[in-house]
Amino acid sequence: MNPPFASIDDVRALEAQPYDTVVPVASTYALLERSAGLWGDRTALTFLESGERDTPVRHIDYATMLANVRRAANLFRGLGV
């Protein structure tokens, strides 16, 4: 598989396209929904929970990330935020 951007000309070609063509969503939430729909089981985030060297790496897939965002949004809404 070739890298999506092999040269600066590839970047220029991308930037020359209309924004709506390159980014077909209107919000961050819509981006999360689209990503979960397209790549639900793929890793969205990889991180160390504590930052300690011996801490195991944690992976969160797109579907789980979207579920957690919805859960947090519902909590905040329930709290009146």
PDB file of N, CA and C in Angstrom:
ATOM      1  N   MET A   1       0.835  -1.184   0.000  1.00  0.00           N
ATOM      2  CA  MET A   1       0.000   0.000   0.000  1.00  0.00           C
ATOM      3  C   MET A   1       0.874   1.240   0.000  1.00  0.00           C
ATOM      4  N   ASN A   2       0.590   2.148  -0.893  1.00  0.00           N
ATOM      5  CA  ASN A   2       1.358   3.390  -0.990  1.00  0.00           C
ATOM      6  C   ASN A   2       0.920   4.365   0.087  1.00  0.00           C
ATOM      7  N   PRO A   3       1.853   5.172   0.577  1.00  0.00           N
ATOM      8  CA  PRO A   3       1.449   6.202   1.544  1.00  0.00           C
ATOM      9  C   PRO A   3       0.514   7.197   0.871  1.00  0.00           C
ATOM     10  N   PRO A   4      -0.439   7.769   1.627  1.00  0.00           N
ATOM     11  CA  PRO A   4      -1.390   8.698   1.010  1.00  0.00           C
ATOM     12  C   PRO A   4      -0.722   9.960   0.470  1.00  0.00           C
ATOM     13  N   PHE A   5       0.398  10.346   1.067  1.00  0.00           N
ATOM     14  CA  PHE A   5       1.100  11.554   0.625  1.00  0.00           C
ATOM     15  C   PHE A   5       2.560  11.201   0.395  1.00  0.00           C
ATOM     16  N   ALA A   6       2.903  10.958  -0.848  1.00  0.00           N
ATOM     17  CA  ALA A   6       4.270  10.580  -1.187  1.00  0.00           C
ATOM     18  C   ALA A   6       5.149  11.803  -1.447  1.00  0.00           C
ATOM     19  N   SER A   7       4.506  12.945  -1.719  1.00  0.00           N
ATOM     20  CA  SER A   7       5.280  14.149  -2.001  1.00  0.00           C
ATOM     21  C   SER A   7       4.448  15.382  -1.660  1.00  0.00           C
ATOM     22  N   ILE A   8       5.093  16.519  -1.707  1.00  0.00           N
ATOM     23  CA  ILE A   8       4.403  17.784  -1.454  1.00  0.00           C
ATOM     24  C   ILE A   8       3.337  18.036  -2.520  1.00  0.00           C
ATOM     25  N   ASP A   9       3.521  17.494  -3.714  1.00  0.00           N
ATOM     26  CA  ASP A   9       2.506  17.653  -4.759  1.00  0.00           C
ATOM     27  C   ASP A   9       1.205  16.970  -4.371  1.00  0.00           C
ATOM     28  N   ASP A  10       1.291  15.859  -3.638  1.00  0.00           N
ATOM     29  CA  ASP A  10       0.087  15.183  -3.157  1.00  0.00           C
ATOM     30  C   ASP A  10      -0.657  16.052  -2.147  1.00  0.00           C
ATOM     31  N   VAL A  11       0.082  16.741  -1.316  1.00  0.00           N
ATOM     32  CA  VAL A  11      -0.526  17.652  -0.335  1.00  0.00           C
ATOM     33  C   VAL A  11      -1.193  18.818  -1.069  1.00  0.00           C
ATOM     34  N   ARG A  12      -0.515  19.366  -2.037  1.00  0.00           N
ATOM     35  CA  ARG A  12      -1.091  20.479  -2.809  1.00  0.00           C
ATOM     36  C   ARG A  12      -2.367  20.048  -3.528  1.00  0.00           C
ATOM     37  N   ALA A  13      -2.371  18.831  -4.072  1.00  0.00           N
ATOM     38  CA  ALA A  13      -3.560  18.330  -4.764  1.00  0.00           C
ATOM     39  C   ALA A  13      -4.724  18.182  -3.787  1.00  0.00           C
ATOM     40  N   LEU A  14      -4.446  17.710  -2.589  1.00  0.00           N
ATOM     41  CA  LEU A  14      -5.490  17.591  -1.569  1.00  0.00           C
ATOM     42  C   LEU A  14      -6.026  18.967  -1.189  1.00  0.00           C
ATOM     43  N   GLU A  15      -5.128  19.911  -0.950  1.00  0.00           N
ATOM     44  CA  GLU A  15      -5.539  21.244  -0.534  1.00  0.00           C
ATOM     45  C   GLU A  15      -6.285  21.998  -1.628  1.00  0.00           C
ATOM     46  N   ALA A  16      -6.134  21.598  -2.877  1.00  0.00           N
ATOM     47  CA  ALA A  16      -6.823  22.263  -3.981  1.00  0.00           C
ATOM     48  C   ALA A  16      -8.284  21.828  -4.094  1.00  0.00           C
ATOM     49  N   GLN A  17      -8.655  20.733  -3.423  1.00  0.00           N
ATOM     50  CA  GLN A  17     -10.024  20.233  -3.486  1.00  0.00           C
ATOM     51  C   GLN A  17     -10.931  21.039  -2.554  1.00  0.00           C
ATOM     52  N   PRO A  18     -12.225  21.109  -2.885  1.00  0.00           N
ATOM     53  CA  PRO A  18     -13.161  21.782  -1.978  1.00  0.00           C
ATOM     54  C   PRO A  18     -13.196  21.074  -0.615  1.00  0.00           C
ATOM     55  N   TYR A  19     -13.300  21.859   0.430  1.00  0.00           N
ATOM     56  CA  TYR A  19     -13.282  21.313   1.797  1.00  0.00           C
ATOM     57  C   TYR A  19     -14.325  20.214   1.987  1.00  0.00           C
ATOM     58  N   ASP A  20     -15.546  20.427   1.478  1.00  0.00           N
ATOM     59  CA  ASP A  20     -16.626  19.447   1.652  1.00  0.00           C
ATOM     60  C   ASP A  20     -16.329  18.122   0.969  1.00  0.00           C
ATOM     61  N   THR A  21     -15.479  18.136  -0.034  1.00  0.00           N
ATOM     62  CA  THR A  21     -15.080  16.900  -0.707  1.00  0.00           C
ATOM     63  C   THR A  21     -14.102  16.116   0.156  1.00  0.00           C
ATOM     64  N   VAL A  22     -13.197  16.818   0.782  1.00  0.00           N
ATOM     65  CA  VAL A  22     -12.156  16.174   1.591  1.00  0.00           C
ATOM     66  C   VAL A  22     -12.693  15.777   2.960  1.00  0.00           C
ATOM     67  N   VAL A  23     -13.519  16.635   3.547  1.00  0.00           N
ATOM     68  CA  VAL A  23     -14.075  16.395   4.884  1.00  0.00           C
ATOM     69  C   VAL A  23     -15.600  16.372   4.744  1.00  0.00           C
ATOM     70  N   PRO A  24     -16.173  15.165   4.544  1.00  0.00           N
ATOM     71  CA  PRO A  24     -17.603  15.070   4.254  1.00  0.00           C
ATOM     72  C   PRO A  24     -18.509  15.076   5.487  1.00  0.00           C
ATOM     73  N   VAL A  25     -18.076  15.709   6.556  1.00  0.00           N
ATOM     74  CA  VAL A  25     -18.891  15.796   7.772  1.00  0.00           C
ATOM     75  C   VAL A  25     -18.910  17.234   8.256  1.00  0.00           C
ATOM     76  N   ALA A  26     -19.939  17.573   9.056  1.00  0.00           N
ATOM     77  CA  ALA A  26     -20.107  18.959   9.485  1.00  0.00           C
ATOM     78  C   ALA A  26     -19.679  19.210  10.926  1.00  0.00           C
ATOM     79  N   SER A  27     -19.353  18.144  11.661  1.00  0.00           N
ATOM     80  CA  SER A  27     -18.985  18.332  13.062  1.00  0.00           C
ATOM     81  C   SER A  27     -18.033  17.234  13.516  1.00  0.00           C
ATOM     82  N   THR A  28     -17.415  17.455  14.658  1.00  0.00           N
ATOM     83  CA  THR A  28     -16.541  16.440  15.234  1.00  0.00           C
ATOM     84  C   THR A  28     -17.332  15.188  15.575  1.00  0.00           C
ATOM     85  N   TYR A  29     -18.532  15.374  16.095  1.00  0.00           N
ATOM     86  CA  TYR A  29     -19.367  14.213  16.427  1.00  0.00           C
ATOM     87  C   TYR A  29     -19.710  13.413  15.169  1.00  0.00           C
ATOM     88  N   ALA A  30     -20.045  14.100  14.090  1.00  0.00           N
ATOM     89  CA  ALA A  30     -20.339  13.413  12.830  1.00  0.00           C
ATOM     90  C   ALA A  30     -19.104  12.671  12.319  1.00  0.00           C
ATOM     91  N   LEU A  31     -17.926  13.240  12.544  1.00  0.00           N
ATOM     92  CA  LEU A  31     -16.688  12.567  12.166  1.00  0.00           C
ATOM     93  C   LEU A  31     -16.516  11.278  12.966  1.00  0.00           C
ATOM     94  N   LEU A  32     -16.798  11.323  14.266  1.00  0.00           N
ATOM     95  CA  LEU A  32     -16.721  10.115  15.094  1.00  0.00           C
ATOM     96  C   LEU A  32     -17.719   9.061  14.638  1.00  0.00           C
ATOM     97  N   GLU A  33     -18.946   9.494  14.328  1.00  0.00           N
ATOM     98  CA  GLU A  33     -19.958   8.557  13.839  1.00  0.00           C
ATOM     99  C   GLU A  33     -19.523   7.908  12.522  1.00  0.00           C
ATOM    100  N   ARG A  34     -19.016   8.712  11.626  1.00  0.00           N
ATOM    101  CA  ARG A  34     -18.578   8.187  10.326  1.00  0.00           C
ATOM    102  C   ARG A  34     -17.412   7.208  10.503  1.00  0.00           C
ATOM    103  N   SER A  35     -16.451   7.574  11.337  1.00  0.00           N
ATOM    104  CA  SER A  35     -15.292   6.713  11.577  1.00  0.00           C
ATOM    105  C   SER A  35     -15.706   5.391  12.203  1.00  0.00           C
ATOM    106  N   ALA A  36     -16.624   5.443  13.156  1.00  0.00           N
ATOM    107  CA  ALA A  36     -17.112   4.212  13.792  1.00  0.00           C
ATOM    108  C   ALA A  36     -17.848   3.341  12.785  1.00  0.00           C
ATOM    109  N   GLY A  37     -18.584   3.967  11.874  1.00  0.00           N
ATOM    110  CA  GLY A  37     -19.298   3.210  10.853  1.00  0.00           C
ATOM    111  C   GLY A  37     -18.372   2.559   9.842  1.00  0.00           C
ATOM    112  N   LEU A  38     -17.299   3.258   9.487  1.00  0.00           N
ATOM    113  CA  LEU A  38     -16.362   2.737   8.489  1.00  0.00           C
ATOM    114  C   LEU A  38     -15.331   1.775   9.078  1.00  0.00           C
ATOM    115  N   TRP A  39     -14.840   2.092  10.275  1.00  0.00           N
ATOM    116  CA  TRP A  39     -13.725   1.331  10.852  1.00  0.00           C
ATOM    117  C   TRP A  39     -13.962   1.001  12.322  1.00  0.00           C
ATOM    118  N   GLY A  40     -15.166   0.584  12.662  1.00  0.00           N
ATOM    119  CA  GLY A  40     -15.546   0.374  14.052  1.00  0.00           C
ATOM    120  C   GLY A  40     -14.582  -0.423  14.897  1.00  0.00           C
ATOM    121  N   ASP A  41     -13.996  -1.473  14.332  1.00  0.00           N
ATOM    122  CA  ASP A  41     -13.126  -2.333  15.128  1.00  0.00           C
ATOM    123  C   ASP A  41     -11.642  -1.960  15.026  1.00  0.00           C
ATOM    124  N   ARG A  42     -11.318  -0.914  14.283  1.00  0.00           N
ATOM    125  CA  ARG A  42      -9.919  -0.481  14.168  1.00  0.00           C
ATOM    126  C   ARG A  42      -9.547   0.445  15.323  1.00  0.00           C
ATOM    127  N   THR A  43      -8.284   0.474  15.647  1.00  0.00           N
ATOM    128  CA  THR A  43      -7.805   1.302  16.747  1.00  0.00           C
ATOM    129  C   THR A  43      -7.908   2.786  16.416  1.00  0.00           C
ATOM    130  N   ALA A  44      -8.567   3.520  17.300  1.00  0.00           N
ATOM    131  CA  ALA A  44      -8.702   4.972  17.160  1.00  0.00           C
ATOM    132  C   ALA A  44      -7.686   5.694  18.037  1.00  0.00           C
ATOM    133  N   LEU A  45      -7.457   5.159  19.228  1.00  0.00           N
ATOM    134  CA  LEU A  45      -6.528   5.762  20.194  1.00  0.00           C
ATOM    135  C   LEU A  45      -5.627   4.699  20.779  1.00  0.00           C
ATOM    136  N   THR A  46      -4.382   5.051  20.983  1.00  0.00           N
ATOM    137  CA  THR A  46      -3.424   4.199  21.685  1.00  0.00           C
ATOM    138  C   THR A  46      -2.721   5.095  22.691  1.00  0.00           C
ATOM    139  N   PHE A  47      -2.727   4.676  23.954  1.00  0.00           N
ATOM    140  CA  PHE A  47      -2.116   5.539  24.969  1.00  0.00           C
ATOM    141  C   PHE A  47      -1.710   4.749  26.199  1.00  0.00           C
ATOM    142  N   LEU A  48      -0.910   5.393  27.039  1.00  0.00           N
ATOM    143  CA  LEU A  48      -0.537   4.868  28.350  1.00  0.00           C
ATOM    144  C   LEU A  48      -1.424   5.553  29.375  1.00  0.00           C
ATOM    145  N   GLU A  49      -2.107   4.776  30.187  1.00  0.00           N
ATOM    146  CA  GLU A  49      -3.029   5.381  31.152  1.00  0.00           C
ATOM    147  C   GLU A  49      -2.315   6.197  32.218  1.00  0.00           C
ATOM    148  N   SER A  50      -1.145   5.757  32.655  1.00  0.00           N
ATOM    149  CA  SER A  50      -0.471   6.475  33.735  1.00  0.00           C
ATOM    150  C   SER A  50       0.775   7.219  33.271  1.00  0.00           C
ATOM    151  N   GLY A  51       1.304   6.875  32.126  1.00  0.00           N
ATOM    152  CA  GLY A  51       2.532   7.497  31.664  1.00  0.00           C
ATOM    153  C   GLY A  51       3.780   6.815  32.186  1.00  0.00           C
ATOM    154  N   GLU A  52       3.594   5.839  33.053  1.00  0.00           N
ATOM    155  CA  GLU A  52       4.743   5.086  33.568  1.00  0.00           C
ATOM    156  C   GLU A  52       5.276   4.162  32.478  1.00  0.00           C
ATOM    157  N   ARG A  53       6.581   3.933  32.503  1.00  0.00           N
ATOM    158  CA  ARG A  53       7.219   3.143  31.467  1.00  0.00           C
ATOM    159  C   ARG A  53       6.684   1.714  31.360  1.00  0.00           C
ATOM    160  N   ASP A  54       6.404   1.073  32.471  1.00  0.00           N
ATOM    161  CA  ASP A  54       5.973  -0.324  32.467  1.00  0.00           C
ATOM    162  C   ASP A  54       4.457  -0.496  32.362  1.00  0.00           C
ATOM    163  N   THR A  55       3.733   0.577  32.175  1.00  0.00           N
ATOM    164  CA  THR A  55       2.280   0.504  32.044  1.00  0.00           C
ATOM    165  C   THR A  55       1.917  -0.116  30.703  1.00  0.00           C
ATOM    166  N   PRO A  56       0.967  -1.039  30.690  1.00  0.00           N
ATOM    167  CA  PRO A  56       0.563  -1.594  29.395  1.00  0.00           C
ATOM    168  C   PRO A  56      -0.106  -0.534  28.517  1.00  0.00           C
ATOM    169  N   VAL A  57       0.088  -0.676  27.237  1.00  0.00           N
ATOM    170  CA  VAL A  57      -0.531   0.225  26.268  1.00  0.00           C
ATOM    171  C   VAL A  57      -2.016  -0.111  26.179  1.00  0.00           C
ATOM    172  N   ARG A  58      -2.844   0.919  26.107  1.00  0.00           N
ATOM    173  CA  ARG A  58      -4.288   0.709  25.972  1.00  0.00           C
ATOM    174  C   ARG A  58      -4.725   1.149  24.586  1.00  0.00           C
ATOM    175  N   HIS A  59      -5.555   0.339  23.967  1.00  0.00           N
ATOM    176  CA  HIS A  59      -6.090   0.638  22.637  1.00  0.00           C
ATOM    177  C   HIS A  59      -7.604   0.774  22.742  1.00  0.00           C
ATOM    178  N   ILE A  60      -8.155   1.781  22.084  1.00  0.00           N
ATOM    179  CA  ILE A  60      -9.605   1.969  22.028  1.00  0.00           C
ATOM    180  C   ILE A  60      -9.995   2.041  20.558  1.00  0.00           C
ATOM    181  N   ASP A  61     -10.974   1.216  20.170  1.00  0.00           N
ATOM    182  CA  ASP A  61     -11.409   1.226  18.772  1.00  0.00           C
ATOM    183  C   ASP A  61     -12.443   2.334  18.559  1.00  0.00           C
ATOM    184  N   TYR A  62     -12.740   2.593  17.290  1.00  0.00           N
ATOM    185  CA  TYR A  62     -13.651   3.679  16.945  1.00  0.00           C
ATOM    186  C   TYR A  62     -15.048   3.486  17.513  1.00  0.00           C
ATOM    187  N   ALA A  63     -15.558   2.261  17.478  1.00  0.00           N
ATOM    188  CA  ALA A  63     -16.909   2.005  17.994  1.00  0.00           C
ATOM    189  C   ALA A  63     -16.973   2.273  19.496  1.00  0.00           C
ATOM    190  N   THR A  64     -15.965   1.834  20.226  1.00  0.00           N
ATOM    191  CA  THR A  64     -15.922   2.064  21.674  1.00  0.00           C
ATOM    192  C   THR A  64     -15.763   3.543  21.981  1.00  0.00           C
ATOM    193  N   MET A  65     -14.937   4.231  21.214  1.00  0.00           N
ATOM    194  CA  MET A  65     -14.756   5.659  21.443  1.00  0.00           C
ATOM    195  C   MET A  65     -16.075   6.400  21.237  1.00  0.00           C
ATOM    196  N   LEU A  66     -16.803   6.064  20.169  1.00  0.00           N
ATOM    197  CA  LEU A  66     -18.098   6.707  19.927  1.00  0.00           C
ATOM    198  C   LEU A  66     -19.071   6.396  21.062  1.00  0.00           C
ATOM    199  N   ALA A  67     -19.106   5.155  21.520  1.00  0.00           N
ATOM    200  CA  ALA A  67     -19.996   4.787  22.630  1.00  0.00           C
ATOM    201  C   ALA A  67     -19.641   5.576  23.884  1.00  0.00           C
ATOM    202  N   ASN A  68     -18.360   5.754  24.154  1.00  0.00           N
ATOM    203  CA  ASN A  68     -17.938   6.504  25.335  1.00  0.00           C
ATOM    204  C   ASN A  68     -18.271   7.989  25.212  1.00  0.00           C
ATOM    205  N   VAL A  69     -18.139   8.547  24.009  1.00  0.00           N
ATOM    206  CA  VAL A  69     -18.504   9.953  23.786  1.00  0.00           C
ATOM    207  C   VAL A  69     -20.005  10.133  24.003  1.00  0.00           C
ATOM    208  N   ARG A  70     -20.813   9.209  23.484  1.00  0.00           N
ATOM    209  CA  ARG A  70     -22.263   9.289  23.694  1.00  0.00           C
ATOM    210  C   ARG A  70     -22.603   9.179  25.173  1.00  0.00           C
ATOM    211  N   ARG A  71     -21.952   8.266  25.858  1.00  0.00           N
ATOM    212  CA  ARG A  71     -22.204   8.071  27.291  1.00  0.00           C
ATOM    213  C   ARG A  71     -21.874   9.349  28.059  1.00  0.00           C
ATOM    214  N   ALA A  72     -20.739   9.951  27.746  1.00  0.00           N
ATOM    215  CA  ALA A  72     -20.341  11.193  28.425  1.00  0.00           C
ATOM    216  C   ALA A  72     -21.315  12.330  28.101  1.00  0.00           C
ATOM    217  N   ALA A  73     -21.719  12.428  26.832  1.00  0.00           N
ATOM    218  CA  ALA A  73     -22.666  13.484  26.431  1.00  0.00           C
ATOM    219  C   ALA A  73     -23.990  13.331  27.161  1.00  0.00           C
ATOM    220  N   ASN A  74     -24.462  12.093  27.278  1.00  0.00           N
ATOM    221  CA  ASN A  74     -25.721  11.854  27.990  1.00  0.00           C
ATOM    222  C   ASN A  74     -25.591  12.186  29.474  1.00  0.00           C
ATOM    223  N   LEU A  75     -24.456  11.882  30.056  1.00  0.00           N
ATOM    224  CA  LEU A  75     -24.214  12.222  31.455  1.00  0.00           C
ATOM    225  C   LEU A  75     -24.243  13.734  31.648  1.00  0.00           C
ATOM    226  N   PHE A  76     -23.497  14.452  30.808  1.00  0.00           N
ATOM    227  CA  PHE A  76     -23.448  15.919  30.923  1.00  0.00           C
ATOM    228  C   PHE A  76     -24.818  16.538  30.708  1.00  0.00           C
ATOM    229  N   ARG A  77     -25.551  16.016  29.732  1.00  0.00           N
ATOM    230  CA  ARG A  77     -26.901  16.552  29.487  1.00  0.00           C
ATOM    231  C   ARG A  77     -27.804  16.295  30.693  1.00  0.00           C
ATOM    232  N   GLY A  78     -27.700  15.099  31.277  1.00  0.00           N
ATOM    233  CA  GLY A  78     -28.484  14.762  32.457  1.00  0.00           C
ATOM    234  C   GLY A  78     -28.141  15.652  33.650  1.00  0.00           C
ATOM    235  N   LEU A  79     -26.903  16.125  33.687  1.00  0.00           N
ATOM    236  CA  LEU A  79     -26.473  17.020  34.762  1.00  0.00           C
ATOM    237  C   LEU A  79     -26.803  18.482  34.469  1.00  0.00           C
ATOM    238  N   GLY A  80     -27.350  18.724  33.280  1.00  0.00           N
ATOM    239  CA  GLY A  80     -27.728  20.094  32.913  1.00  0.00           C
ATOM    240  C   GLY A  80     -26.596  20.910  32.321  1.00  0.00           C
ATOM    241  N   VAL A  81     -25.535  20.261  31.927  1.00  0.00           N
ATOM    242  CA  VAL A  81     -24.397  20.983  31.333  1.00  0.00           C
ATOM    243  C   VAL A  81     -24.652  21.207  29.863  1.00  0.00           C
TER     244      VAL A  81
END
